[in-house]
C-alpha atoms as a PDB file:
ATOM      1  CA  MET A   1       0.496  -0.086  -0.169  1.00  0.00           C
ATOM      2  CA  ARG A   2       1.712   3.376  -1.245  1.00  0.00           C
ATOM      3  CA  LEU A   3      -0.033   5.597   1.657  1.00  0.00           C
ATOM      4  CA  TYR A   4       2.162   2.974   3.747  1.00  0.00           C
ATOM      5  CA  GLY A   5       5.014   3.688   1.595  1.00  0.00           C
ATOM      6  CA  PHE A   6       5.258   8.065   2.641  1.00  0.00           C
ATOM      7  CA  LEU A   7       4.410   7.612   6.035  1.00  0.00           C
ATOM      8  CA  ARG A   8       7.098   4.938   6.738  1.00  0.00           C
ATOM      9  CA  ALA A   9       9.237   7.805   4.905  1.00  0.00           C
ATOM     10  CA  THR A  10       7.520  10.642   7.636  1.00  0.00           C
ATOM     11  CA  TRP A  11       9.111   7.442   9.578  1.00  0.00           C
ATOM     12  CA  GLU A  12      12.946   8.033   8.556  1.00  0.00           C
ATOM     13  CA  ARG A  13      12.928  12.463   8.061  1.00  0.00           C
ATOM     14  CA  ALA A  14      11.179  12.412  12.203  1.00  0.00           C
ATOM     15  CA  LEU A  15      13.853  10.090  13.329  1.00  0.00           C
ATOM     16  CA  GLU A  16      16.439  12.969  11.672  1.00  0.00           C
ATOM     17  CA  GLU A  17      14.872  16.257  12.391  1.00  0.00           C
ATOM     18  CA  ILE A  18      13.315  15.636  16.149  1.00  0.00           C
ATOM     19  CA  VAL A  19      14.665  13.439  17.152  1.00  0.00           C
ATOM     20  CA  PHE A  20      17.694  14.067  15.978  1.00  0.00           C
ATOM     21  CA  ALA A  21      17.254  17.319  15.991  1.00  0.00           C
ATOM     22  CA  GLY A  22      19.405  18.383  12.831  1.00  0.00           C
ATOM     23  CA  VAL A  23      22.218  17.637  14.104  1.00  0.00           C
ATOM     24  CA  LEU A  24      22.566  14.056  11.335  1.00  0.00           C
ATOM     25  CA  ILE A  25      21.356  14.878   8.101  1.00  0.00           C
ATOM     26  CA  ARG A  26      21.794  11.778   5.408  1.00  0.00           C
ATOM     27  CA  HIS A  27      24.341  13.158   2.327  1.00  0.00           C
ATOM     28  CA  ARG A  28      25.263  15.679   4.377  1.00  0.00           C
ATOM     29  CA  ASP A  29      29.347  16.475   4.923  1.00  0.00           C
ATOM     30  CA  TYR A  30      29.291  17.216   8.308  1.00  0.00           C
ATOM     31  CA  ILE A  31      27.635  17.859  11.768  1.00  0.00           C
ATOM     32  CA  ASP A  32      25.974  20.478  13.375  1.00  0.00           C
ATOM     33  CA  THR A  33      26.407  19.917  17.004  1.00  0.00           C
ATOM     34  CA  LYS A  34      24.054  23.058  18.646  1.00  0.00           C
ATOM     35  CA  ASN A  35      20.920  20.226  18.696  1.00  0.00           C
ATOM     36  CA  LEU A  36      23.144  17.578  20.126  1.00  0.00           C
ATOM     37  CA  LYS A  37      21.422  18.539  23.794  1.00  0.00           C
ATOM     38  CA  LYS A  38      17.844  17.800  21.985  1.00  0.00           C
ATOM     39  CA  VAL A  39      18.834  14.324  21.609  1.00  0.00           C
ATOM     40  CA  SER A  40      18.177  13.659  25.142  1.00  0.00           C
ATOM     41  CA  ALA A  41      14.825  13.882  25.248  1.00  0.00           C
ATOM     42  CA  LEU A  42      14.425  10.519  23.134  1.00  0.00           C
ATOM     43  CA  GLU A  43      12.912   8.068  26.296  1.00  0.00           C
ATOM     44  CA  GLU A  44      12.690   4.635  25.624  1.00  0.00           C
ATOM     45  CA  ALA A  45       9.123   4.416  24.532  1.00  0.00           C
ATOM     46  CA  ASP A  46       9.384   6.972  22.036  1.00  0.00           C
ATOM     47  CA  ALA A  47      12.295   4.346  20.391  1.00  0.00           C
ATOM     48  CA  GLU A  48       9.268   1.624  21.489  1.00  0.00           C
ATOM     49  CA  THR A  49       6.363   3.860  19.419  1.00  0.00           C
ATOM     50  CA  PHE A  50       9.502   4.911  16.802  1.00  0.00           C
ATOM     51  CA  ARG A  51       9.929   0.824  15.724  1.00  0.00           C
ATOM     52  CA  ALA A  52       6.990  -0.939  16.077  1.00  0.00           C
ATOM     53  CA  ALA A  53       5.200   1.565  13.734  1.00  0.00           C
ATOM     54  CA  PHE A  54       8.119   2.031  11.704  1.00  0.00           C
ATOM     55  CA  LYS A  55       7.997  -1.599  11.448  1.00  0.00           C
ATOM     56  CA  LYS A  56       4.812  -2.457  10.476  1.00  0.00           C
ATOM     57  CA  CYS A  57       4.320   0.030   7.395  1.00  0.00           C
ATOM     58  CA  SER A  58       7.370  -1.695   6.199  1.00  0.00           C
ATOM     59  CA  ASP A  59       5.033  -4.657   7.169  1.00  0.00           C
ATOM     60  CA  ILE A  60       2.220  -3.332   4.819  1.00  0.00           C
ATOM     61  CA  ILE A  61       4.209  -1.915   1.556  1.00  0.00           C
ATOM     62  CA  GLU A  62       4.736  -3.701  -1.265  1.00  0.00           C
ATOM     63  CA  ALA A  63       8.716  -3.612  -1.591  1.00  0.00           C
ATOM     64  CA  HIS A  64       8.618  -7.276   0.834  1.00  0.00           C
ATOM     65  CA  ASP A  65       7.232 -10.061  -1.186  1.00  0.00           C
ATOM     66  CA  ALA A  66       4.537 -11.152   0.703  1.00  0.00           C
ATOM     67  CA  SER A  67       3.440 -14.889   0.887  1.00  0.00           C
ATOM     68  CA  ARG A  68       0.740 -16.136  -1.637  1.00  0.00           C
ATOM     69  CA  VAL A  69      -0.977 -17.789   1.257  1.00  0.00           C
ATOM     70  CA  ARG A  70      -1.348 -15.083   2.859  1.00  0.00           C
ATOM     71  CA  ASN A  71      -3.446 -12.288   1.161  1.00  0.00           C
ATOM     72  CA  GLU A  72      -3.662 -10.337   3.272  1.00  0.00           C
ATOM     73  CA  GLU A  73      -6.830  -6.883   3.131  1.00  0.00           C
ATOM     74  CA  PRO A  74      -4.579  -3.827   3.766  1.00  0.00           C
ATOM     75  CA  PRO A  75      -6.199  -1.835   6.757  1.00  0.00           C
ATOM     76  CA  PRO A  76      -8.848  -0.221   7.044  1.00  0.00           C
ATOM     77  CA  PRO A  77      -9.129   4.591   6.539  1.00  0.00           C
ATOM     78  CA  SER A  78      -9.981   4.305   9.959  1.00  0.00           C
ATOM     79  CA  GLU A  79      -6.487   2.054  11.444  1.00  0.00           C
ATOM     80  CA  ILE A  80      -4.775   4.524   8.774  1.00  0.00           C
ATOM     81  CA  LEU A  81      -5.984   7.710  10.482  1.00  0.00           C
ATOM     82  CA  THR A  82      -5.121   6.379  13.522  1.00  0.00           C
ATOM     83  CA  ASP A  83      -1.020   5.315  12.716  1.00  0.00           C
ATOM     84  CA  ILE A  84      -0.966   8.436  10.635  1.00  0.00           C
ATOM     85  CA  LYS A  85      -2.408  10.509  13.852  1.00  0.00           C
ATOM     86  CA  THR A  86       0.635   8.129  16.599  1.00  0.00           C
ATOM     87  CA  LEU A  87       3.247   9.705  13.372  1.00  0.00           C
ATOM     88  CA  THR A  88       1.617  12.881  14.592  1.00  0.00           C
ATOM     89  CA  ASP A  89       1.728  12.985  18.456  1.00  0.00           C
ATOM     90  CA  TRP A  90       5.346  11.586  18.908  1.00  0.00           C
ATOM     91  CA  ALA A  91       6.553  14.066  16.806  1.00  0.00           C
ATOM     92  CA  GLU A  92       4.800  16.360  18.806  1.00  0.00           C
ATOM     93  CA  SER A  93       5.310  15.721  22.058  1.00  0.00           C
ATOM     94  CA  LEU A  94       9.869  15.293  21.762  1.00  0.00           C
ATOM     95  CA  ARG A  95       9.100  18.559  19.936  1.00  0.00           C
ATOM     96  CA  THR A  96       7.391  19.593  23.223  1.00  0.00           C
ATOM     97  CA  ARG A  97      10.038  17.894  25.607  1.00  0.00           C
ATOM     98  CA  GLN A  98      12.645  19.623  22.637  1.00  0.00           C
ATOM     99  CA  LYS A  99      12.101  23.082  23.172  1.00  0.00           C
ATOM    100  CA  ALA A 100      11.996  22.929  26.969  1.00  0.00           C
ATOM    101  CA  ILE A 101      15.591  21.663  26.900  1.00  0.00           C
ATOM    102  CA  VAL A 102      17.583  25.097  26.984  1.00  0.00           C
END
């Protein structure tokens, strides 16, 4: 399902932009350390939420050859909206904690 491919890419971008606070950016030839302390806002629950959501997206997208016997249905719209909200809530929570770091 293509939507979950985009959602997976958004999780990747959130990892880069929010969790690592722009300290590390793919394909950039330097490390920007001025926001390094904001990385400390990440908690174990954040890492677990990321891992579970990223895995779910990876399991759904068509980049993997699905078993012929599974023949699974795509998630219903309500589940898709819940998955998007999970990402939104996760990002907002991290940003709030990062703003509190001086």
